[in-house]
Amino acid sequence: MVAVDNLSLQLYTVRYKLEEDFDATLARIAEIGYRQVEPFGVVGMADKLAEALPKYGLSAPTTHAGLLKEDSGPIFEAAKRLGISTVIDPFVDPARWQSADDIKATAEGLNKAAAEAAEHGITVGYHNHHFELESVIDGVHGLEILAENLSDEVILEVDTYWAAVGGADVPALLGRLGDRVKALHIKDGDGTLNNKAQVAVGAGSIAVTDILKASPGTLRVVELDDFEGEIFDAVAGSFSYLTGEDVA
């Protein structure tokens, strides 16, 4: 079972709900039982988050932000304002994962961002999709080549679903990456690129239990990229499956 204080929800999951009613969406997340969330678009959402997070007893230990293609200053300022300690870059173009040199250049960019972030008391990380694992150079996944070239200060948030879709043995991958991994995206589905086929955690084909055992203590972040039904049903189902708690 996952402790509630070690569980978060990536707000991208409920992006359409946020557009409809930001406040009510955060209220429902808290009502389900979540105590932590992972924002995206943090600079644009900062004012709303600053009001809603404390209102509903929520905190945001991590956020996604495009550190390698945006001005990092406003990102770090927003993170500090909201009490966010880790800023995670969520995407580097698939074309940049086809050679070791390009991957090393991405590592250099993240290392530079981490040095800047440290001045604000903030940690930098990277979050994968499937293509960082599909890319295999000299028998090594692209994501692992990245890890080998990161400074000690840069962490990884492994999206376990996309790692599986990319062809990785996820528990083994997590074992090799070790303490570099500080957070996991936990999602479920049919193991394909079809986002609409994603489902509540525990209702799909991903070996969630084995994955969690392979990375004890890391922050577990629930996410669905998309869903066929009512998204809060999947958000609540994921919470109940992972914590064993009944959902309000």
C-alpha atoms as a PDB file:
ATOM      1  CA  MET A   1       0.000   0.000   0.000  1.00  0.00           C
ATOM      2  CA  VAL A   2       1.076   3.573  -0.666  1.00  0.00           C
ATOM      3  CA  ALA A   3       0.943   6.035   2.198  1.00  0.00           C
ATOM      4  CA  VAL A   4      -1.198   9.079   1.450  1.00  0.00           C
ATOM      5  CA  ASP A   5       1.694  11.381   2.312  1.00  0.00           C
ATOM      6  CA  ASN A   6       3.765   9.660  -0.392  1.00  0.00           C
ATOM      7  CA  LEU A   7       1.130  10.035  -3.106  1.00  0.00           C
ATOM      8  CA  SER A   8       0.484  12.876  -5.537  1.00  0.00           C
ATOM      9  CA  LEU A   9      -1.671  13.623  -8.586  1.00  0.00           C
ATOM     10  CA  GLN A  10      -0.347  15.194 -11.788  1.00  0.00           C
ATOM     11  CA  LEU A  11      -2.814  17.982 -12.514  1.00  0.00           C
ATOM     12  CA  TYR A  12      -2.504  17.428 -16.273  1.00  0.00           C
ATOM     13  CA  THR A  13      -4.819  14.484 -15.590  1.00  0.00           C
ATOM     14  CA  VAL A  14      -7.652  16.896 -14.771  1.00  0.00           C
ATOM     15  CA  ARG A  15      -6.684  19.726 -17.133  1.00  0.00           C
ATOM     16  CA  TYR A  16     -10.150  19.994 -18.657  1.00  0.00           C
ATOM     17  CA  LYS A  17     -11.750  20.110 -15.212  1.00  0.00           C
ATOM     18  CA  LEU A  18      -9.343  22.887 -14.231  1.00  0.00           C
ATOM     19  CA  GLU A  19     -10.451  24.893 -17.258  1.00  0.00           C
ATOM     20  CA  GLU A  20     -14.089  24.467 -16.259  1.00  0.00           C
ATOM     21  CA  ASP A  21     -13.728  25.244 -12.543  1.00  0.00           C
ATOM     22  CA  PHE A  22     -10.255  25.459 -11.045  1.00  0.00           C
ATOM     23  CA  ASP A  23     -11.358  25.796  -7.438  1.00  0.00           C
ATOM     24  CA  ALA A  24     -13.913  22.997  -7.536  1.00  0.00           C
ATOM     25  CA  THR A  25     -11.370  20.682  -9.158  1.00  0.00           C
ATOM     26  CA  LEU A  26      -8.835  21.175  -6.381  1.00  0.00           C
ATOM     27  CA  ALA A  27     -11.630  20.726  -3.847  1.00  0.00           C
ATOM     28  CA  ARG A  28     -12.609  17.382  -5.392  1.00  0.00           C
ATOM     29  CA  ILE A  29      -8.993  16.171  -5.449  1.00  0.00           C
ATOM     30  CA  ALA A  30      -8.721  16.884  -1.735  1.00  0.00           C
ATOM     31  CA  GLU A  31     -12.115  15.310  -1.068  1.00  0.00           C
ATOM     32  CA  ILE A  32     -10.968  12.070  -2.697  1.00  0.00           C
ATOM     33  CA  GLY A  33      -8.064  12.021  -0.262  1.00  0.00           C
ATOM     34  CA  TYR A  34      -5.029  13.353  -2.104  1.00  0.00           C
ATOM     35  CA  ARG A  35      -2.817  15.693  -0.118  1.00  0.00           C
ATOM     36  CA  GLN A  36      -0.285  16.479  -2.843  1.00  0.00           C
ATOM     37  CA  VAL A  37      -0.472  17.514  -6.475  1.00  0.00           C
ATOM     38  CA  GLU A  38       2.012  18.018  -9.296  1.00  0.00           C
ATOM     39  CA  PRO A  39       1.170  21.132 -11.324  1.00  0.00           C
ATOM     40  CA  PHE A  40       2.041  21.924 -14.924  1.00  0.00           C
ATOM     41  CA  GLY A  41       2.124  25.385 -16.461  1.00  0.00           C
ATOM     42  CA  VAL A  42       3.112  26.601 -13.029  1.00  0.00           C
ATOM     43  CA  VAL A  43       3.912  30.185 -14.017  1.00  0.00           C
ATOM     44  CA  GLY A  44       0.469  30.762 -15.494  1.00  0.00           C
ATOM     45  CA  MET A  45      -1.303  28.937 -12.672  1.00  0.00           C
ATOM     46  CA  ALA A  46       0.703  30.424  -9.810  1.00  0.00           C
ATOM     47  CA  ASP A  47      -1.938  32.869  -8.566  1.00  0.00           C
ATOM     48  CA  LYS A  48      -4.735  30.303  -8.600  1.00  0.00           C
ATOM     49  CA  LEU A  49      -2.558  27.649  -6.984  1.00  0.00           C
ATOM     50  CA  ALA A  50      -1.367  30.053  -4.283  1.00  0.00           C
ATOM     51  CA  GLU A  51      -4.982  30.525  -3.279  1.00  0.00           C
ATOM     52  CA  ALA A  52      -6.357  27.008  -3.762  1.00  0.00           C
ATOM     53  CA  LEU A  53      -3.590  24.784  -2.405  1.00  0.00           C
ATOM     54  CA  PRO A  54      -3.705  25.991   1.213  1.00  0.00           C
ATOM     55  CA  LYS A  55      -7.476  26.359   1.023  1.00  0.00           C
ATOM     56  CA  TYR A  56      -7.843  22.602   0.469  1.00  0.00           C
ATOM     57  CA  GLY A  57      -4.903  21.359   2.495  1.00  0.00           C
ATOM     58  CA  LEU A  58      -2.862  20.498  -0.573  1.00  0.00           C
ATOM     59  CA  SER A  59       0.847  20.919  -1.260  1.00  0.00           C
ATOM     60  CA  ALA A  60       2.946  20.605  -4.408  1.00  0.00           C
ATOM     61  CA  PRO A  61       6.370  19.054  -3.829  1.00  0.00           C
ATOM     62  CA  THR A  62       7.037  18.785  -7.565  1.00  0.00           C
ATOM     63  CA  THR A  63       6.025  20.521 -10.782  1.00  0.00           C
ATOM     64  CA  HIS A  64       6.547  20.059 -14.496  1.00  0.00           C
ATOM     65  CA  ALA A  65       8.041  22.956 -16.455  1.00  0.00           C
ATOM     66  CA  GLY A  66       9.976  23.260 -19.697  1.00  0.00           C
ATOM     67  CA  LEU A  67      13.286  24.314 -18.212  1.00  0.00           C
ATOM     68  CA  LEU A  68      15.263  23.658 -21.390  1.00  0.00           C
ATOM     69  CA  LYS A  69      13.042  25.781 -23.643  1.00  0.00           C
ATOM     70  CA  GLU A  70      11.620  28.470 -21.360  1.00  0.00           C
ATOM     71  CA  ASP A  71      13.045  31.267 -19.239  1.00  0.00           C
ATOM     72  CA  SER A  72      13.847  29.493 -15.994  1.00  0.00           C
ATOM     73  CA  GLY A  73      13.700  32.607 -13.816  1.00  0.00           C
ATOM     74  CA  PRO A  74       9.885  32.927 -13.632  1.00  0.00           C
ATOM     75  CA  ILE A  75       9.609  29.140 -13.198  1.00  0.00           C
ATOM     76  CA  PHE A  76      11.875  29.120 -10.151  1.00  0.00           C
ATOM     77  CA  GLU A  77      10.133  32.194  -8.731  1.00  0.00           C
ATOM     78  CA  ALA A  78       6.717  30.543  -9.053  1.00  0.00           C
ATOM     79  CA  ALA A  79       8.040  27.322  -7.547  1.00  0.00           C
ATOM     80  CA  LYS A  80       9.462  29.124  -4.524  1.00  0.00           C
ATOM     81  CA  ARG A  81       6.226  31.030  -4.022  1.00  0.00           C
ATOM     82  CA  LEU A  82       4.257  27.770  -3.973  1.00  0.00           C
ATOM     83  CA  GLY A  83       6.680  25.799  -1.806  1.00  0.00           C
ATOM     84  CA  ILE A  84       7.666  23.523  -4.689  1.00  0.00           C
ATOM     85  CA  SER A  85      11.081  21.982  -4.130  1.00  0.00           C
ATOM     86  CA  THR A  86      11.594  20.082  -7.398  1.00  0.00           C
ATOM     87  CA  VAL A  87      11.066  21.319 -10.968  1.00  0.00           C
ATOM     88  CA  ILE A  88      10.949  18.547 -13.568  1.00  0.00           C
ATOM     89  CA  ASP A  89      11.410  19.051 -17.294  1.00  0.00           C
ATOM     90  CA  PRO A  90       8.748  16.842 -18.900  1.00  0.00           C
ATOM     91  CA  PHE A  91       9.791  16.641 -22.541  1.00  0.00           C
ATOM     92  CA  VAL A  92      12.789  16.785 -24.851  1.00  0.00           C
ATOM     93  CA  ASP A  93      11.983  16.210 -28.517  1.00  0.00           C
ATOM     94  CA  PRO A  94      12.259  12.558 -29.679  1.00  0.00           C
ATOM     95  CA  ALA A  95      14.751  13.597 -32.368  1.00  0.00           C
ATOM     96  CA  ARG A  96      17.173  14.530 -29.579  1.00  0.00           C
ATOM     97  CA  TRP A  97      17.338  10.940 -28.306  1.00  0.00           C
ATOM     98  CA  GLN A  98      18.816   9.286 -31.378  1.00  0.00           C
ATOM     99  CA  SER A  99      22.520   9.846 -30.675  1.00  0.00           C
ATOM    100  CA  ALA A 100      24.670   9.729 -27.579  1.00  0.00           C
ATOM    101  CA  ASP A 101      25.999  13.222 -28.331  1.00  0.00           C
ATOM    102  CA  ASP A 102      22.509  14.711 -28.416  1.00  0.00           C
ATOM    103  CA  ILE A 103      21.598  12.954 -25.179  1.00  0.00           C
ATOM    104  CA  LYS A 104      24.765  14.264 -23.541  1.00  0.00           C
ATOM    105  CA  ALA A 105      23.829  17.781 -24.693  1.00  0.00           C
ATOM    106  CA  THR A 106      20.458  17.401 -22.958  1.00  0.00           C
ATOM    107  CA  ALA A 107      22.272  16.273 -19.816  1.00  0.00           C
ATOM    108  CA  GLU A 108      24.465  19.372 -20.005  1.00  0.00           C
ATOM    109  CA  GLY A 109      21.378  21.563 -20.253  1.00  0.00           C
ATOM    110  CA  LEU A 110      19.824  19.916 -17.230  1.00  0.00           C
ATOM    111  CA  ASN A 111      23.066  20.190 -15.275  1.00  0.00           C
ATOM    112  CA  LYS A 112      23.199  23.908 -16.034  1.00  0.00           C
ATOM    113  CA  ALA A 113      19.566  24.332 -14.995  1.00  0.00           C
ATOM    114  CA  ALA A 114      20.292  22.457 -11.770  1.00  0.00           C
ATOM    115  CA  ALA A 115      23.124  24.840 -10.915  1.00  0.00           C
ATOM    116  CA  GLU A 116      20.792  27.808 -11.447  1.00  0.00           C
ATOM    117  CA  ALA A 117      18.010  26.138  -9.474  1.00  0.00           C
ATOM    118  CA  ALA A 118      20.313  25.478  -6.534  1.00  0.00           C
ATOM    119  CA  GLU A 119      20.613  29.229  -6.037  1.00  0.00           C
ATOM    120  CA  HIS A 120      16.870  29.187  -5.307  1.00  0.00           C
ATOM    121  CA  GLY A 121      17.031  26.071  -3.130  1.00  0.00           C
ATOM    122  CA  ILE A 122      15.312  24.055  -5.851  1.00  0.00           C
ATOM    123  CA  THR A 123      16.150  20.650  -7.383  1.00  0.00           C
ATOM    124  CA  VAL A 124      15.866  19.886 -11.104  1.00  0.00           C
ATOM    125  CA  GLY A 125      14.680  16.624 -12.645  1.00  0.00           C
ATOM    126  CA  TYR A 126      13.676  14.976 -15.926  1.00  0.00           C
ATOM    127  CA  HIS A 127      10.532  12.992 -16.801  1.00  0.00           C
ATOM    128  CA  ASN A 128      10.502  10.478 -19.654  1.00  0.00           C
ATOM    129  CA  HIS A 129       8.075   9.349 -22.303  1.00  0.00           C
ATOM    130  CA  HIS A 130       8.362   6.154 -24.356  1.00  0.00           C
ATOM    131  CA  PHE A 131      10.946   7.314 -26.881  1.00  0.00           C
ATOM    132  CA  GLU A 132      13.789   7.694 -24.364  1.00  0.00           C
ATOM    133  CA  LEU A 133      13.498   3.946 -23.803  1.00  0.00           C
ATOM    134  CA  GLU A 134      12.818   2.970 -27.407  1.00  0.00           C
ATOM    135  CA  SER A 135      16.132   4.600 -28.254  1.00  0.00           C
ATOM    136  CA  VAL A 136      18.829   1.994 -27.553  1.00  0.00           C
ATOM    137  CA  ILE A 137      22.441   2.942 -28.294  1.00  0.00           C
ATOM    138  CA  ASP A 138      25.108   0.264 -27.913  1.00  0.00           C
ATOM    139  CA  GLY A 139      22.638  -1.793 -25.924  1.00  0.00           C
ATOM    140  CA  VAL A 140      21.761   1.004 -23.500  1.00  0.00           C
ATOM    141  CA  HIS A 141      18.428   2.846 -23.232  1.00  0.00           C
ATOM    142  CA  GLY A 142      18.648   6.535 -24.024  1.00  0.00           C
ATOM    143  CA  LEU A 143      17.303   7.415 -20.595  1.00  0.00           C
ATOM    144  CA  GLU A 144      20.162   5.526 -18.965  1.00  0.00           C
ATOM    145  CA  ILE A 145      22.692   7.351 -21.135  1.00  0.00           C
ATOM    146  CA  LEU A 146      21.142  10.574 -19.874  1.00  0.00           C
ATOM    147  CA  ALA A 147      21.443   9.395 -16.276  1.00  0.00           C
ATOM    148  CA  GLU A 148      25.119   8.533 -16.746  1.00  0.00           C
ATOM    149  CA  ASN A 149      25.820  12.121 -17.803  1.00  0.00           C
ATOM    150  CA  LEU A 150      23.770  13.992 -15.215  1.00  0.00           C
ATOM    151  CA  SER A 151      25.332  15.726 -12.251  1.00  0.00           C
ATOM    152  CA  ASP A 152      24.502  14.212  -8.892  1.00  0.00           C
ATOM    153  CA  GLU A 153      22.072  17.048  -8.205  1.00  0.00           C
ATOM    154  CA  VAL A 154      19.679  16.139 -11.055  1.00  0.00           C
ATOM    155  CA  ILE A 155      16.935  13.629 -10.253  1.00  0.00           C
ATOM    156  CA  LEU A 156      14.708  11.469 -12.430  1.00  0.00           C
ATOM    157  CA  GLU A 157      10.963  11.067 -12.330  1.00  0.00           C
ATOM    158  CA  VAL A 158      10.378   7.828 -14.213  1.00  0.00           C
ATOM    159  CA  ASP A 159       7.070   7.567 -16.020  1.00  0.00           C
ATOM    160  CA  THR A 160       6.669   3.858 -15.490  1.00  0.00           C
ATOM    161  CA  TYR A 161       3.879   3.428 -18.032  1.00  0.00           C
ATOM    162  CA  TRP A 162       5.765   5.097 -20.864  1.00  0.00           C
ATOM    163  CA  ALA A 163       8.929   3.257 -19.906  1.00  0.00           C
ATOM    164  CA  ALA A 164       7.027  -0.016 -20.335  1.00  0.00           C
ATOM    165  CA  VAL A 165       5.530   1.126 -23.641  1.00  0.00           C
ATOM    166  CA  GLY A 166       9.063   1.991 -24.766  1.00  0.00           C
ATOM    167  CA  GLY A 167      10.147  -1.591 -24.226  1.00  0.00           C
ATOM    168  CA  ALA A 168      11.905  -1.412 -20.869  1.00  0.00           C
ATOM    169  CA  ASP A 169      11.735  -3.997 -18.113  1.00  0.00           C
ATOM    170  CA  VAL A 170      10.615  -1.309 -15.695  1.00  0.00           C
ATOM    171  CA  PRO A 171      11.496  -2.939 -12.345  1.00  0.00           C
ATOM    172  CA  ALA A 172      14.965  -3.791 -13.705  1.00  0.00           C
ATOM    173  CA  LEU A 173      15.355  -0.262 -15.101  1.00  0.00           C
ATOM    174  CA  LEU A 174      14.470   1.249 -11.731  1.00  0.00           C
ATOM    175  CA  GLY A 175      16.988  -1.040 -10.075  1.00  0.00           C
ATOM    176  CA  ARG A 176      19.739   0.152 -12.397  1.00  0.00           C
ATOM    177  CA  LEU A 177      18.853   3.836 -12.005  1.00  0.00           C
ATOM    178  CA  GLY A 178      18.771   3.454  -8.214  1.00  0.00           C
ATOM    179  CA  ASP A 179      18.715   6.524  -5.988  1.00  0.00           C
ATOM    180  CA  ARG A 180      18.705   8.881  -8.972  1.00  0.00           C
ATOM    181  CA  VAL A 181      14.964   8.190  -9.150  1.00  0.00           C
ATOM    182  CA  LYS A 182      13.034  10.302  -6.647  1.00  0.00           C
ATOM    183  CA  ALA A 183       9.539  10.085  -8.146  1.00  0.00           C
ATOM    184  CA  LEU A 184       7.464   7.766 -10.316  1.00  0.00           C
ATOM    185  CA  HIS A 185       4.528   8.446 -12.566  1.00  0.00           C
ATOM    186  CA  ILE A 186       2.127   5.607 -11.859  1.00  0.00           C
ATOM    187  CA  LYS A 187      -0.402   5.004 -14.592  1.00  0.00           C
ATOM    188  CA  ASP A 188      -2.127   2.008 -16.111  1.00  0.00           C
ATOM    189  CA  GLY A 189      -3.686   0.943 -19.373  1.00  0.00           C
ATOM    190  CA  ASP A 190      -3.187  -1.500 -22.211  1.00  0.00           C
ATOM    191  CA  GLY A 191       0.493  -0.715 -22.706  1.00  0.00           C
ATOM    192  CA  THR A 192       0.068   1.020 -26.064  1.00  0.00           C
ATOM    193  CA  LEU A 193       0.461   4.559 -27.377  1.00  0.00           C
ATOM    194  CA  ASN A 194      -3.320   5.016 -27.297  1.00  0.00           C
ATOM    195  CA  ASN A 195      -3.854   7.508 -24.468  1.00  0.00           C
ATOM    196  CA  LYS A 196      -7.601   6.863 -24.498  1.00  0.00           C
ATOM    197  CA  ALA A 197      -6.886   3.276 -23.435  1.00  0.00           C
ATOM    198  CA  GLN A 198      -5.424   4.414 -20.121  1.00  0.00           C
ATOM    199  CA  VAL A 199      -7.413   3.435 -17.036  1.00  0.00           C
ATOM    200  CA  ALA A 200      -7.390   3.776 -13.264  1.00  0.00           C
ATOM    201  CA  VAL A 201      -4.257   2.377 -11.650  1.00  0.00           C
ATOM    202  CA  GLY A 202      -4.807  -1.323 -10.981  1.00  0.00           C
ATOM    203  CA  ALA A 203      -7.346  -1.752 -13.797  1.00  0.00           C
ATOM    204  CA  GLY A 204      -4.896  -2.261 -16.668  1.00  0.00           C
ATOM    205  CA  SER A 205      -2.038  -4.517 -17.740  1.00  0.00           C
ATOM    206  CA  ILE A 206       0.925  -2.738 -16.095  1.00  0.00           C
ATOM    207  CA  ALA A 207       2.735  -4.621 -13.312  1.00  0.00           C
ATOM    208  CA  VAL A 208       2.163  -1.825 -10.820  1.00  0.00           C
ATOM    209  CA  THR A 209       2.955  -3.867  -7.705  1.00  0.00           C
ATOM    210  CA  ASP A 210       6.326  -5.034  -9.059  1.00  0.00           C
ATOM    211  CA  ILE A 211       7.170  -1.487 -10.139  1.00  0.00           C
ATOM    212  CA  LEU A 212       6.401  -0.018  -6.724  1.00  0.00           C
ATOM    213  CA  LYS A 213       8.477  -2.711  -4.993  1.00  0.00           C
ATOM    214  CA  ALA A 214      11.424  -1.877  -7.248  1.00  0.00           C
ATOM    215  CA  SER A 215      11.515   1.765  -6.144  1.00  0.00           C
ATOM    216  CA  PRO A 216      10.566   1.967  -2.469  1.00  0.00           C
ATOM    217  CA  GLY A 217      10.199   5.358  -0.880  1.00  0.00           C
ATOM    218  CA  THR A 218       9.926   7.372  -4.077  1.00  0.00           C
ATOM    219  CA  LEU A 219       7.034   9.787  -4.527  1.00  0.00           C
ATOM    220  CA  ARG A 220       4.175   8.086  -6.384  1.00  0.00           C
ATOM    221  CA  VAL A 221       2.428  10.448  -8.807  1.00  0.00           C
ATOM    222  CA  VAL A 222      -0.828   9.264 -10.357  1.00  0.00           C
ATOM    223  CA  GLU A 223      -1.401  10.399 -13.933  1.00  0.00           C
ATOM    224  CA  LEU A 224      -3.654   9.653 -16.865  1.00  0.00           C
ATOM    225  CA  ASP A 225      -2.829  11.310 -20.172  1.00  0.00           C
ATOM    226  CA  ASP A 226      -6.426  10.710 -21.248  1.00  0.00           C
ATOM    227  CA  PHE A 227      -9.440   8.572 -20.370  1.00  0.00           C
ATOM    228  CA  GLU A 228     -12.650   7.452 -22.058  1.00  0.00           C
ATOM    229  CA  GLY A 229     -14.909   8.003 -19.052  1.00  0.00           C
ATOM    230  CA  GLU A 230     -15.371  10.476 -16.203  1.00  0.00           C
ATOM    231  CA  ILE A 231     -11.834  11.368 -15.221  1.00  0.00           C
ATOM    232  CA  PHE A 232     -12.553  11.686 -11.521  1.00  0.00           C
ATOM    233  CA  ASP A 233     -13.697   8.055 -11.486  1.00  0.00           C
ATOM    234  CA  ALA A 234     -10.188   7.061 -12.580  1.00  0.00           C
ATOM    235  CA  VAL A 235      -8.530   9.522 -10.195  1.00  0.00           C
ATOM    236  CA  ALA A 236     -10.559   8.142  -7.288  1.00  0.00           C
ATOM    237  CA  GLY A 237     -10.079   4.532  -8.379  1.00  0.00           C
ATOM    238  CA  SER A 238      -6.327   5.021  -8.531  1.00  0.00           C
ATOM    239  CA  PHE A 239      -6.274   6.519  -5.042  1.00  0.00           C
ATOM    240  CA  SER A 240      -8.335   3.661  -3.603  1.00  0.00           C
ATOM    241  CA  TYR A 241      -6.228   0.979  -5.305  1.00  0.00           C
ATOM    242  CA  LEU A 242      -2.917   2.441  -4.197  1.00  0.00           C
ATOM    243  CA  THR A 243      -3.827   3.370  -0.622  1.00  0.00           C
ATOM    244  CA  GLY A 244      -6.446   0.749   0.175  1.00  0.00           C
ATOM    245  CA  GLU A 245      -8.645   3.549   1.498  1.00  0.00           C
ATOM    246  CA  ASP A 246     -12.279   4.116   0.691  1.00  0.00           C
ATOM    247  CA  VAL A 247     -12.889   7.218  -1.383  1.00  0.00           C
ATOM    248  CA  ALA A 248     -15.311   9.948  -0.385  1.00  0.00           C
END
